Amino acid sequence: MAQAQGISSGDPDPRAHAQTSPRPHGPGPGSGSAPSAERRPAGELESTVLAALWAADAPLTPGQVQGALGAPLARTTVTTILTRLYEKGTVTRTRSGRGFAYTPTEDAPGLTARRMHSELQKEEDRGTVLARFVSQLTDADEQLLRELLDGDAR
């Protein structure tokens, strides 16, 4: 009856008395709604979807990716992730029935290398970026990099 009290007491906004404690945004514990999932780190879902594609021997549809993940993700969520990966050039797609089947454009090391190149291209002072990157390498990684640059490895 807080609203009725607000009206009869002459308060300009009867809702002012309707709730006295702040409420968190969205459903929370005890709200009667399904428990809310914690927010995932950026890129985690994309990485999980890519891992499923890398493990497959053939292109996968969103439904097949959803099944391979074994996680409680809606098919629409998987489709959205695959569409974003397609727009980034990380996967290709071919018609499969009324939808698409997706294939990664490169393996995990290739994708990591492409991301490193992308980050490097964003910076004007590439020399400083590379110098700082190299200075933070472990001794083993530095040795491997030297061997790669000399053409002695892989």
C-alpha atoms as a PDB file:
ATOM      1  CA  MET A   1       0.000   0.000   0.000  1.00  0.00           C
ATOM      2  CA  ALA A   2       3.006   2.250  -0.293  1.00  0.00           C
ATOM      3  CA  GLN A   3       1.630   3.791  -3.471  1.00  0.00           C
ATOM      4  CA  ALA A   4      -1.700   4.602  -1.849  1.00  0.00           C
ATOM      5  CA  GLN A   5       0.120   6.208   1.056  1.00  0.00           C
ATOM      6  CA  GLY A   6       2.165   8.253  -1.414  1.00  0.00           C
ATOM      7  CA  ILE A   7      -0.964   9.465  -3.155  1.00  0.00           C
ATOM      8  CA  SER A   8      -2.790  10.382   0.031  1.00  0.00           C
ATOM      9  CA  SER A   9       0.232  12.078   1.564  1.00  0.00           C
ATOM     10  CA  GLY A  10       0.543  14.411  -1.381  1.00  0.00           C
ATOM     11  CA  ASP A  11       3.880  13.055  -2.682  1.00  0.00           C
ATOM     12  CA  PRO A  12       4.351  14.151  -6.278  1.00  0.00           C
ATOM     13  CA  ASP A  13       5.578  10.657  -7.262  1.00  0.00           C
ATOM     14  CA  PRO A  14       3.665   7.810  -5.628  1.00  0.00           C
ATOM     15  CA  ARG A  15       6.359   5.339  -6.809  1.00  0.00           C
ATOM     16  CA  ALA A  16       8.837   6.958  -4.443  1.00  0.00           C
ATOM     17  CA  HIS A  17       7.630   4.756  -1.589  1.00  0.00           C
ATOM     18  CA  ALA A  18       7.083   1.593  -3.593  1.00  0.00           C
ATOM     19  CA  GLN A  19      10.611   0.315  -3.146  1.00  0.00           C
ATOM     20  CA  THR A  20      13.131   1.357  -0.564  1.00  0.00           C
ATOM     21  CA  SER A  21      16.148  -0.813  -1.404  1.00  0.00           C
ATOM     22  CA  PRO A  22      18.076  -0.771  -4.680  1.00  0.00           C
ATOM     23  CA  ARG A  23      17.518  -3.738  -6.960  1.00  0.00           C
ATOM     24  CA  PRO A  24      20.303  -5.255  -9.086  1.00  0.00           C
ATOM     25  CA  HIS A  25      19.808  -5.145 -12.835  1.00  0.00           C
ATOM     26  CA  GLY A  26      18.508  -8.342 -14.370  1.00  0.00           C
ATOM     27  CA  PRO A  27      17.401 -11.550 -12.697  1.00  0.00           C
ATOM     28  CA  GLY A  28      19.300 -12.601  -9.659  1.00  0.00           C
ATOM     29  CA  PRO A  29      19.191 -15.169  -6.915  1.00  0.00           C
ATOM     30  CA  GLY A  30      15.745 -15.620  -5.467  1.00  0.00           C
ATOM     31  CA  SER A  31      14.039 -13.714  -8.277  1.00  0.00           C
ATOM     32  CA  GLY A  32      12.190 -16.788  -9.465  1.00  0.00           C
ATOM     33  CA  SER A  33      14.013 -16.633 -12.801  1.00  0.00           C
ATOM     34  CA  ALA A  34      16.632 -19.020 -14.049  1.00  0.00           C
ATOM     35  CA  PRO A  35      20.031 -18.376 -12.471  1.00  0.00           C
ATOM     36  CA  SER A  36      22.054 -15.933 -14.493  1.00  0.00           C
ATOM     37  CA  ALA A  37      25.302 -17.178 -15.972  1.00  0.00           C
ATOM     38  CA  GLU A  38      28.468 -15.338 -15.166  1.00  0.00           C
ATOM     39  CA  ARG A  39      29.860 -13.254 -17.987  1.00  0.00           C
ATOM     40  CA  ARG A  40      32.490 -15.084 -20.026  1.00  0.00           C
ATOM     41  CA  PRO A  41      35.823 -13.494 -20.894  1.00  0.00           C
ATOM     42  CA  ALA A  42      35.909 -11.830 -24.291  1.00  0.00           C
ATOM     43  CA  GLY A  43      36.497 -14.316 -27.088  1.00  0.00           C
ATOM     44  CA  GLU A  44      35.912 -17.420 -24.957  1.00  0.00           C
ATOM     45  CA  LEU A  45      32.861 -18.564 -26.909  1.00  0.00           C
ATOM     46  CA  GLU A  46      34.608 -17.937 -30.217  1.00  0.00           C
ATOM     47  CA  SER A  47      37.591 -19.985 -29.046  1.00  0.00           C
ATOM     48  CA  THR A  48      35.313 -22.796 -27.895  1.00  0.00           C
ATOM     49  CA  VAL A  49      33.467 -22.861 -31.216  1.00  0.00           C
ATOM     50  CA  LEU A  50      36.754 -22.815 -33.141  1.00  0.00           C
ATOM     51  CA  ALA A  51      38.058 -25.717 -31.044  1.00  0.00           C
ATOM     52  CA  ALA A  52      34.986 -27.742 -32.044  1.00  0.00           C
ATOM     53  CA  LEU A  53      35.566 -26.903 -35.706  1.00  0.00           C
ATOM     54  CA  TRP A  54      39.262 -27.808 -35.500  1.00  0.00           C
ATOM     55  CA  ALA A  55      38.389 -31.166 -33.937  1.00  0.00           C
ATOM     56  CA  ALA A  56      35.951 -32.006 -36.738  1.00  0.00           C
ATOM     57  CA  ASP A  57      36.920 -33.876 -39.890  1.00  0.00           C
ATOM     58  CA  ALA A  58      34.381 -31.996 -41.991  1.00  0.00           C
ATOM     59  CA  PRO A  59      32.447 -28.714 -42.066  1.00  0.00           C
ATOM     60  CA  LEU A  60      29.888 -28.403 -39.256  1.00  0.00           C
ATOM     61  CA  THR A  61      26.459 -26.806 -39.158  1.00  0.00           C
ATOM     62  CA  PRO A  62      25.510 -24.679 -36.146  1.00  0.00           C
ATOM     63  CA  GLY A  63      23.463 -27.592 -34.782  1.00  0.00           C
ATOM     64  CA  GLN A  64      26.466 -29.921 -35.091  1.00  0.00           C
ATOM     65  CA  VAL A  65      28.721 -27.373 -33.390  1.00  0.00           C
ATOM     66  CA  GLN A  66      26.166 -27.031 -30.605  1.00  0.00           C
ATOM     67  CA  GLY A  67      26.156 -30.810 -30.149  1.00  0.00           C
ATOM     68  CA  ALA A  68      29.952 -30.993 -30.211  1.00  0.00           C
ATOM     69  CA  LEU A  69      30.253 -28.322 -27.527  1.00  0.00           C
ATOM     70  CA  GLY A  70      28.093 -30.169 -25.053  1.00  0.00           C
ATOM     71  CA  ALA A  71      27.497 -26.793 -23.391  1.00  0.00           C
ATOM     72  CA  PRO A  72      24.066 -25.311 -22.746  1.00  0.00           C
ATOM     73  CA  LEU A  73      24.242 -22.791 -25.589  1.00  0.00           C
ATOM     74  CA  ALA A  74      21.249 -21.955 -27.738  1.00  0.00           C
ATOM     75  CA  ARG A  75      21.605 -22.775 -31.404  1.00  0.00           C
ATOM     76  CA  THR A  76      20.964 -19.113 -32.206  1.00  0.00           C
ATOM     77  CA  THR A  77      23.952 -18.177 -30.028  1.00  0.00           C
ATOM     78  CA  VAL A  78      26.167 -20.667 -31.869  1.00  0.00           C
ATOM     79  CA  THR A  79      24.895 -19.320 -35.204  1.00  0.00           C
ATOM     80  CA  THR A  80      25.689 -15.753 -34.130  1.00  0.00           C
ATOM     81  CA  ILE A  81      29.221 -16.732 -33.101  1.00  0.00           C
ATOM     82  CA  LEU A  82      29.788 -18.565 -36.391  1.00  0.00           C
ATOM     83  CA  THR A  83      28.478 -15.572 -38.350  1.00  0.00           C
ATOM     84  CA  ARG A  84      30.859 -13.247 -36.512  1.00  0.00           C
ATOM     85  CA  LEU A  85      33.770 -15.618 -37.163  1.00  0.00           C
ATOM     86  CA  TYR A  86      32.786 -15.686 -40.840  1.00  0.00           C
ATOM     87  CA  GLU A  87      32.705 -11.881 -40.993  1.00  0.00           C
ATOM     88  CA  LYS A  88      36.208 -11.799 -39.465  1.00  0.00           C
ATOM     89  CA  GLY A  89      37.493 -14.264 -42.066  1.00  0.00           C
ATOM     90  CA  THR A  90      38.253 -16.886 -39.417  1.00  0.00           C
ATOM     91  CA  VAL A  91      35.895 -19.475 -40.934  1.00  0.00           C
ATOM     92  CA  THR A  92      34.468 -20.156 -44.374  1.00  0.00           C
ATOM     93  CA  ARG A  93      30.975 -21.410 -45.008  1.00  0.00           C
ATOM     94  CA  THR A  94      29.238 -23.492 -47.635  1.00  0.00           C
ATOM     95  CA  ARG A  95      25.554 -24.094 -48.197  1.00  0.00           C
ATOM     96  CA  SER A  96      24.168 -27.047 -46.278  1.00  0.00           C
ATOM     97  CA  GLY A  97      20.424 -27.456 -46.744  1.00  0.00           C
ATOM     98  CA  ARG A  98      18.760 -24.178 -45.802  1.00  0.00           C
ATOM     99  CA  GLY A  99      21.747 -23.007 -43.752  1.00  0.00           C
ATOM    100  CA  PHE A 100      25.508 -23.175 -43.766  1.00  0.00           C
ATOM    101  CA  ALA A 101      28.287 -25.505 -42.680  1.00  0.00           C
ATOM    102  CA  TYR A 102      31.460 -23.876 -41.365  1.00  0.00           C
ATOM    103  CA  THR A 103      35.177 -24.693 -41.674  1.00  0.00           C
ATOM    104  CA  PRO A 104      38.087 -22.864 -40.022  1.00  0.00           C
ATOM    105  CA  THR A 105      40.333 -20.999 -42.456  1.00  0.00           C
ATOM    106  CA  GLU A 106      43.472 -21.989 -40.555  1.00  0.00           C
ATOM    107  CA  ASP A 107      44.680 -24.025 -37.600  1.00  0.00           C
ATOM    108  CA  ALA A 108      45.166 -22.635 -34.087  1.00  0.00           C
ATOM    109  CA  PRO A 109      48.818 -21.579 -34.554  1.00  0.00           C
ATOM    110  CA  GLY A 110      47.922 -19.878 -37.839  1.00  0.00           C
ATOM    111  CA  LEU A 111      45.097 -17.961 -36.195  1.00  0.00           C
ATOM    112  CA  THR A 112      47.352 -16.838 -33.350  1.00  0.00           C
ATOM    113  CA  ALA A 113      49.971 -15.654 -35.837  1.00  0.00           C
ATOM    114  CA  ARG A 114      47.313 -13.740 -37.777  1.00  0.00           C
ATOM    115  CA  ARG A 115      46.135 -12.059 -34.572  1.00  0.00           C
ATOM    116  CA  MET A 116      49.710 -11.092 -33.711  1.00  0.00           C
ATOM    117  CA  HIS A 117      50.136  -9.577 -37.189  1.00  0.00           C
ATOM    118  CA  SER A 118      46.851  -7.711 -36.818  1.00  0.00           C
ATOM    119  CA  GLU A 119      47.940  -6.190 -33.504  1.00  0.00           C
ATOM    120  CA  LEU A 120      51.322  -5.228 -34.927  1.00  0.00           C
ATOM    121  CA  GLN A 121      49.698  -3.481 -37.899  1.00  0.00           C
ATOM    122  CA  LYS A 122      47.712  -1.249 -35.531  1.00  0.00           C
ATOM    123  CA  GLU A 123      50.870   0.387 -34.172  1.00  0.00           C
ATOM    124  CA  GLU A 124      52.910   2.986 -36.032  1.00  0.00           C
ATOM    125  CA  ASP A 125      56.093   2.333 -34.034  1.00  0.00           C
ATOM    126  CA  ARG A 126      56.489  -1.323 -34.954  1.00  0.00           C
ATOM    127  CA  GLY A 127      60.150  -1.368 -33.908  1.00  0.00           C
ATOM    128  CA  THR A 128      59.287  -0.509 -30.317  1.00  0.00           C
ATOM    129  CA  VAL A 129      56.456  -3.034 -30.236  1.00  0.00           C
ATOM    130  CA  LEU A 130      58.713  -5.808 -31.553  1.00  0.00           C
ATOM    131  CA  ALA A 131      61.536  -4.829 -29.198  1.00  0.00           C
ATOM    132  CA  ARG A 132      59.215  -5.000 -26.197  1.00  0.00           C
ATOM    133  CA  PHE A 133      57.728  -8.271 -27.385  1.00  0.00           C
ATOM    134  CA  VAL A 134      61.162  -9.850 -27.773  1.00  0.00           C
ATOM    135  CA  SER A 135      62.365  -8.487 -24.421  1.00  0.00           C
ATOM    136  CA  GLN A 136      59.481 -10.318 -22.710  1.00  0.00           C
ATOM    137  CA  LEU A 137      60.211 -13.712 -24.294  1.00  0.00           C
ATOM    138  CA  THR A 138      61.516 -16.559 -22.195  1.00  0.00           C
ATOM    139  CA  ASP A 139      65.050 -17.702 -22.973  1.00  0.00           C
ATOM    140  CA  ALA A 140      63.665 -20.799 -24.696  1.00  0.00           C
ATOM    141  CA  ASP A 141      61.262 -18.762 -26.851  1.00  0.00           C
ATOM    142  CA  GLU A 142      64.017 -16.291 -27.712  1.00  0.00           C
ATOM    143  CA  GLN A 143      66.252 -19.165 -28.819  1.00  0.00           C
ATOM    144  CA  LEU A 144      63.420 -20.641 -30.895  1.00  0.00           C
ATOM    145  CA  LEU A 145      62.787 -17.259 -32.516  1.00  0.00           C
ATOM    146  CA  ARG A 146      66.499 -16.951 -33.372  1.00  0.00           C
ATOM    147  CA  GLU A 147      66.439 -20.393 -34.963  1.00  0.00           C
ATOM    148  CA  LEU A 148      63.312 -19.531 -36.946  1.00  0.00           C
ATOM    149  CA  LEU A 149      64.813 -16.274 -38.190  1.00  0.00           C
ATOM    150  CA  ASP A 150      67.994 -18.100 -39.195  1.00  0.00           C
ATOM    151  CA  GLY A 151      65.921 -20.748 -40.997  1.00  0.00           C
ATOM    152  CA  ASP A 152      67.164 -23.530 -38.714  1.00  0.00           C
ATOM    153  CA  ALA A 153      63.844 -24.624 -37.210  1.00  0.00           C
ATOM    154  CA  ARG A 154      60.483 -25.897 -38.435  1.00  0.00           C
END
